[in-house]
């Protein structure tokens, strides 16, 4: 009898930063955390690196061109997505303060608003695991690896 293994789902997040503010989009129509504010983010595709996924997601979701060399690694987060022990995620968080283009919603079927928020005055409804990263970033206490949901 073989050993049963689970798959860890990787995702990349990119926080565009301007001064002390972060660009967030409000999720809508996705069935996951609709009404909550979030980064440009998504699953890392097969054969793609986490930085390449962050660059792609910034372009696809908010219409800006980011160079991988301008991404600043913030942290990795190992988290449980649900109570199912096999549903685990590894999230790679990046910030970026240089890009080309003006941020604008690109996927109106997935987000219905876009805004700049002071890191010390985030909206009440931020995707919970992202709030952890943003609050620690704001406080200057972001460790290289976080866990969430364990």
C-alpha atoms as a PDB file:
ATOM      1  CA  UNK A   1       0.000   0.000   0.000  1.00  0.00           C
ATOM      2  CA  UNK A   2       1.476   3.341  -1.117  1.00  0.00           C
ATOM      3  CA  UNK A   3       1.924   6.395   1.035  1.00  0.00           C
ATOM      4  CA  UNK A   4      -0.773   8.995   0.512  1.00  0.00           C
ATOM      5  CA  UNK A   5       0.640  12.458  -0.095  1.00  0.00           C
ATOM      6  CA  UNK A   6      -1.037  15.801  -0.271  1.00  0.00           C
ATOM      7  CA  UNK A   7      -0.320  18.740  -2.501  1.00  0.00           C
ATOM      8  CA  UNK A   8       0.577  22.166  -1.149  1.00  0.00           C
ATOM      9  CA  UNK A   9      -0.912  24.926  -3.303  1.00  0.00           C
ATOM     10  CA  UNK A  10       1.508  27.848  -3.933  1.00  0.00           C
ATOM     11  CA  UNK A  11       0.363  31.423  -4.533  1.00  0.00           C
ATOM     12  CA  UNK A  12       2.098  34.752  -5.096  1.00  0.00           C
ATOM     13  CA  UNK A  13       0.961  38.135  -3.761  1.00  0.00           C
ATOM     14  CA  UNK A  14       2.263  41.565  -4.729  1.00  0.00           C
ATOM     15  CA  UNK A  15       1.562  44.665  -2.645  1.00  0.00           C
ATOM     16  CA  UNK A  16       2.119  47.842  -4.603  1.00  0.00           C
ATOM     17  CA  UNK A  17       3.401  50.423  -2.123  1.00  0.00           C
ATOM     18  CA  UNK A  18       3.361  54.207  -2.510  1.00  0.00           C
ATOM     19  CA  UNK A  19       4.720  56.038   0.497  1.00  0.00           C
ATOM     20  CA  UNK A  20       2.950  54.511   3.477  1.00  0.00           C
ATOM     21  CA  UNK A  21       0.003  53.283   1.402  1.00  0.00           C
ATOM     22  CA  UNK A  22      -0.821  49.943  -0.190  1.00  0.00           C
ATOM     23  CA  UNK A  23      -3.006  49.258  -3.224  1.00  0.00           C
ATOM     24  CA  UNK A  24      -5.801  46.781  -2.546  1.00  0.00           C
ATOM     25  CA  UNK A  25      -8.724  45.523  -4.608  1.00  0.00           C
ATOM     26  CA  UNK A  26     -12.107  44.490  -3.261  1.00  0.00           C
ATOM     27  CA  UNK A  27     -12.990  40.927  -4.204  1.00  0.00           C
ATOM     28  CA  UNK A  28     -16.370  40.353  -5.827  1.00  0.00           C
ATOM     29  CA  UNK A  29     -18.066  37.496  -7.648  1.00  0.00           C
ATOM     30  CA  UNK A  30     -15.420  34.881  -6.848  1.00  0.00           C
ATOM     31  CA  UNK A  31     -17.123  32.947  -4.069  1.00  0.00           C
ATOM     32  CA  UNK A  32     -14.042  33.404  -1.852  1.00  0.00           C
ATOM     33  CA  UNK A  33     -13.829  36.358   0.534  1.00  0.00           C
ATOM     34  CA  UNK A  34     -16.045  38.550  -1.645  1.00  0.00           C
ATOM     35  CA  UNK A  35     -16.306  42.041  -0.127  1.00  0.00           C
ATOM     36  CA  UNK A  36     -12.812  41.772   1.364  1.00  0.00           C
ATOM     37  CA  UNK A  37      -9.804  43.799   0.242  1.00  0.00           C
ATOM     38  CA  UNK A  38      -6.772  41.959  -1.117  1.00  0.00           C
ATOM     39  CA  UNK A  39      -3.519  42.213  -3.033  1.00  0.00           C
ATOM     40  CA  UNK A  40      -3.014  41.361  -6.662  1.00  0.00           C
ATOM     41  CA  UNK A  41      -2.460  37.639  -6.202  1.00  0.00           C
ATOM     42  CA  UNK A  42      -3.029  34.193  -7.578  1.00  0.00           C
ATOM     43  CA  UNK A  43      -1.846  30.643  -7.844  1.00  0.00           C
ATOM     44  CA  UNK A  44       1.606  29.904  -9.174  1.00  0.00           C
ATOM     45  CA  UNK A  45       1.119  28.055 -12.444  1.00  0.00           C
ATOM     46  CA  UNK A  46       2.956  24.880 -13.426  1.00  0.00           C
ATOM     47  CA  UNK A  47       6.516  25.703 -14.494  1.00  0.00           C
ATOM     48  CA  UNK A  48       6.283  29.263 -13.135  1.00  0.00           C
ATOM     49  CA  UNK A  49       8.326  30.758 -10.300  1.00  0.00           C
ATOM     50  CA  UNK A  50       6.675  32.693  -7.475  1.00  0.00           C
ATOM     51  CA  UNK A  51       8.235  36.026  -8.614  1.00  0.00           C
ATOM     52  CA  UNK A  52       7.061  35.395 -12.197  1.00  0.00           C
ATOM     53  CA  UNK A  53       3.561  34.700 -10.871  1.00  0.00           C
ATOM     54  CA  UNK A  54       3.616  37.984  -8.916  1.00  0.00           C
ATOM     55  CA  UNK A  55       4.641  39.886 -12.060  1.00  0.00           C
ATOM     56  CA  UNK A  56       1.870  38.168 -14.051  1.00  0.00           C
ATOM     57  CA  UNK A  57      -0.799  38.789 -11.413  1.00  0.00           C
ATOM     58  CA  UNK A  58       0.064  42.504 -11.154  1.00  0.00           C
ATOM     59  CA  UNK A  59      -0.429  42.800 -14.920  1.00  0.00           C
ATOM     60  CA  UNK A  60      -3.564  40.648 -15.092  1.00  0.00           C
ATOM     61  CA  UNK A  61      -5.358  42.100 -12.070  1.00  0.00           C
ATOM     62  CA  UNK A  62      -4.358  45.759 -11.853  1.00  0.00           C
ATOM     63  CA  UNK A  63      -2.796  46.424 -15.264  1.00  0.00           C
ATOM     64  CA  UNK A  64       0.712  47.448 -14.254  1.00  0.00           C
ATOM     65  CA  UNK A  65       4.062  46.189 -15.487  1.00  0.00           C
ATOM     66  CA  UNK A  66       6.349  45.087 -12.692  1.00  0.00           C
ATOM     67  CA  UNK A  67       9.895  43.835 -13.196  1.00  0.00           C
ATOM     68  CA  UNK A  68      10.863  40.787 -11.167  1.00  0.00           C
ATOM     69  CA  UNK A  69      13.992  42.646 -10.041  1.00  0.00           C
ATOM     70  CA  UNK A  70      11.828  45.335  -8.439  1.00  0.00           C
ATOM     71  CA  UNK A  71       9.954  42.838  -6.267  1.00  0.00           C
ATOM     72  CA  UNK A  72      10.983  42.860  -2.607  1.00  0.00           C
ATOM     73  CA  UNK A  73      10.389  39.522  -0.862  1.00  0.00           C
ATOM     74  CA  UNK A  74       8.385  40.131   2.323  1.00  0.00           C
ATOM     75  CA  UNK A  75       7.714  36.665   3.712  1.00  0.00           C
ATOM     76  CA  UNK A  76       6.361  33.207   3.036  1.00  0.00           C
ATOM     77  CA  UNK A  77       3.266  31.965   4.809  1.00  0.00           C
ATOM     78  CA  UNK A  78       2.365  28.314   5.354  1.00  0.00           C
ATOM     79  CA  UNK A  79      -1.357  28.170   6.058  1.00  0.00           C
ATOM     80  CA  UNK A  80      -4.361  25.968   6.209  1.00  0.00           C
ATOM     81  CA  UNK A  81      -7.119  27.018   3.848  1.00  0.00           C
ATOM     82  CA  UNK A  82      -9.787  24.965   5.608  1.00  0.00           C
ATOM     83  CA  UNK A  83     -10.138  22.344   8.321  1.00  0.00           C
ATOM     84  CA  UNK A  84      -9.196  19.618   5.838  1.00  0.00           C
ATOM     85  CA  UNK A  85      -5.640  18.554   6.755  1.00  0.00           C
ATOM     86  CA  UNK A  86      -4.750  18.113   3.092  1.00  0.00           C
ATOM     87  CA  UNK A  87      -5.761  21.667   2.135  1.00  0.00           C
ATOM     88  CA  UNK A  88      -2.555  23.571   2.821  1.00  0.00           C
ATOM     89  CA  UNK A  89      -1.130  26.605   1.060  1.00  0.00           C
ATOM     90  CA  UNK A  90       2.240  28.295   0.779  1.00  0.00           C
ATOM     91  CA  UNK A  91       1.971  31.977  -0.036  1.00  0.00           C
ATOM     92  CA  UNK A  92       4.866  34.114  -1.239  1.00  0.00           C
ATOM     93  CA  UNK A  93       4.393  37.806  -0.420  1.00  0.00           C
ATOM     94  CA  UNK A  94       6.237  40.568  -2.286  1.00  0.00           C
ATOM     95  CA  UNK A  95       6.102  44.335  -2.231  1.00  0.00           C
ATOM     96  CA  UNK A  96       6.914  46.634  -5.099  1.00  0.00           C
ATOM     97  CA  UNK A  97       7.310  50.405  -5.240  1.00  0.00           C
ATOM     98  CA  UNK A  98       8.273  50.699  -8.942  1.00  0.00           C
ATOM     99  CA  UNK A  99       5.996  49.812 -11.845  1.00  0.00           C
ATOM    100  CA  UNK A 100       4.895  51.114 -15.225  1.00  0.00           C
ATOM    101  CA  UNK A 101       1.310  52.107 -15.896  1.00  0.00           C
ATOM    102  CA  UNK A 102      -1.568  53.406 -13.813  1.00  0.00           C
ATOM    103  CA  UNK A 103      -3.259  50.788 -11.602  1.00  0.00           C
ATOM    104  CA  UNK A 104      -6.812  50.012 -12.719  1.00  0.00           C
ATOM    105  CA  UNK A 105      -9.132  47.048 -12.294  1.00  0.00           C
ATOM    106  CA  UNK A 106      -8.640  44.553 -15.101  1.00  0.00           C
ATOM    107  CA  UNK A 107     -10.960  41.759 -13.965  1.00  0.00           C
ATOM    108  CA  UNK A 108     -14.373  43.252 -13.102  1.00  0.00           C
ATOM    109  CA  UNK A 109     -15.750  39.726 -12.683  1.00  0.00           C
ATOM    110  CA  UNK A 110     -13.354  39.211  -9.738  1.00  0.00           C
ATOM    111  CA  UNK A 111     -13.050  42.663  -8.131  1.00  0.00           C
ATOM    112  CA  UNK A 112     -15.332  45.695  -7.960  1.00  0.00           C
ATOM    113  CA  UNK A 113     -13.148  48.414  -6.431  1.00  0.00           C
ATOM    114  CA  UNK A 114      -9.513  49.457  -6.143  1.00  0.00           C
ATOM    115  CA  UNK A 115      -8.009  51.838  -3.623  1.00  0.00           C
ATOM    116  CA  UNK A 116      -4.942  53.074  -1.801  1.00  0.00           C
ATOM    117  CA  UNK A 117      -4.972  52.535   1.959  1.00  0.00           C
ATOM    118  CA  UNK A 118      -2.598  53.754   4.624  1.00  0.00           C
ATOM    119  CA  UNK A 119      -0.871  50.729   6.150  1.00  0.00           C
ATOM    120  CA  UNK A 120      -1.855  52.012   9.584  1.00  0.00           C
ATOM    121  CA  UNK A 121      -5.546  52.443   8.623  1.00  0.00           C
ATOM    122  CA  UNK A 122      -6.531  49.343   6.662  1.00  0.00           C
ATOM    123  CA  UNK A 123     -10.196  48.757   5.840  1.00  0.00           C
ATOM    124  CA  UNK A 124     -12.095  46.520   8.258  1.00  0.00           C
ATOM    125  CA  UNK A 125     -12.606  43.760   5.705  1.00  0.00           C
ATOM    126  CA  UNK A 126      -9.171  42.566   4.569  1.00  0.00           C
ATOM    127  CA  UNK A 127      -8.635  38.894   3.722  1.00  0.00           C
ATOM    128  CA  UNK A 128      -7.558  37.588   7.178  1.00  0.00           C
ATOM    129  CA  UNK A 129      -4.207  36.019   6.297  1.00  0.00           C
ATOM    130  CA  UNK A 130      -3.292  39.103   4.262  1.00  0.00           C
ATOM    131  CA  UNK A 131      -4.202  41.356   7.208  1.00  0.00           C
ATOM    132  CA  UNK A 132      -1.617  39.472   9.300  1.00  0.00           C
ATOM    133  CA  UNK A 133       1.102  40.263   6.751  1.00  0.00           C
ATOM    134  CA  UNK A 134       0.073  43.896   6.264  1.00  0.00           C
ATOM    135  CA  UNK A 135      -0.162  44.636   9.992  1.00  0.00           C
ATOM    136  CA  UNK A 136       3.238  43.094  10.661  1.00  0.00           C
ATOM    137  CA  UNK A 137       4.708  44.962   7.698  1.00  0.00           C
ATOM    138  CA  UNK A 138       3.304  48.230   9.065  1.00  0.00           C
ATOM    139  CA  UNK A 139       4.722  47.476  12.518  1.00  0.00           C
ATOM    140  CA  UNK A 140       8.156  46.595  11.115  1.00  0.00           C
ATOM    141  CA  UNK A 141       7.861  43.121  12.641  1.00  0.00           C
ATOM    142  CA  UNK A 142       7.457  40.835   9.649  1.00  0.00           C
ATOM    143  CA  UNK A 143       9.361  37.558  10.076  1.00  0.00           C
ATOM    144  CA  UNK A 144      10.573  35.702   6.968  1.00  0.00           C
ATOM    145  CA  UNK A 145       8.153  32.802   7.577  1.00  0.00           C
ATOM    146  CA  UNK A 146       4.658  32.930   9.073  1.00  0.00           C
ATOM    147  CA  UNK A 147       2.040  30.286   9.738  1.00  0.00           C
ATOM    148  CA  UNK A 148      -1.700  30.831   9.777  1.00  0.00           C
ATOM    149  CA  UNK A 149      -4.585  28.557  10.697  1.00  0.00           C
ATOM    150  CA  UNK A 150      -2.643  25.825  12.490  1.00  0.00           C
END
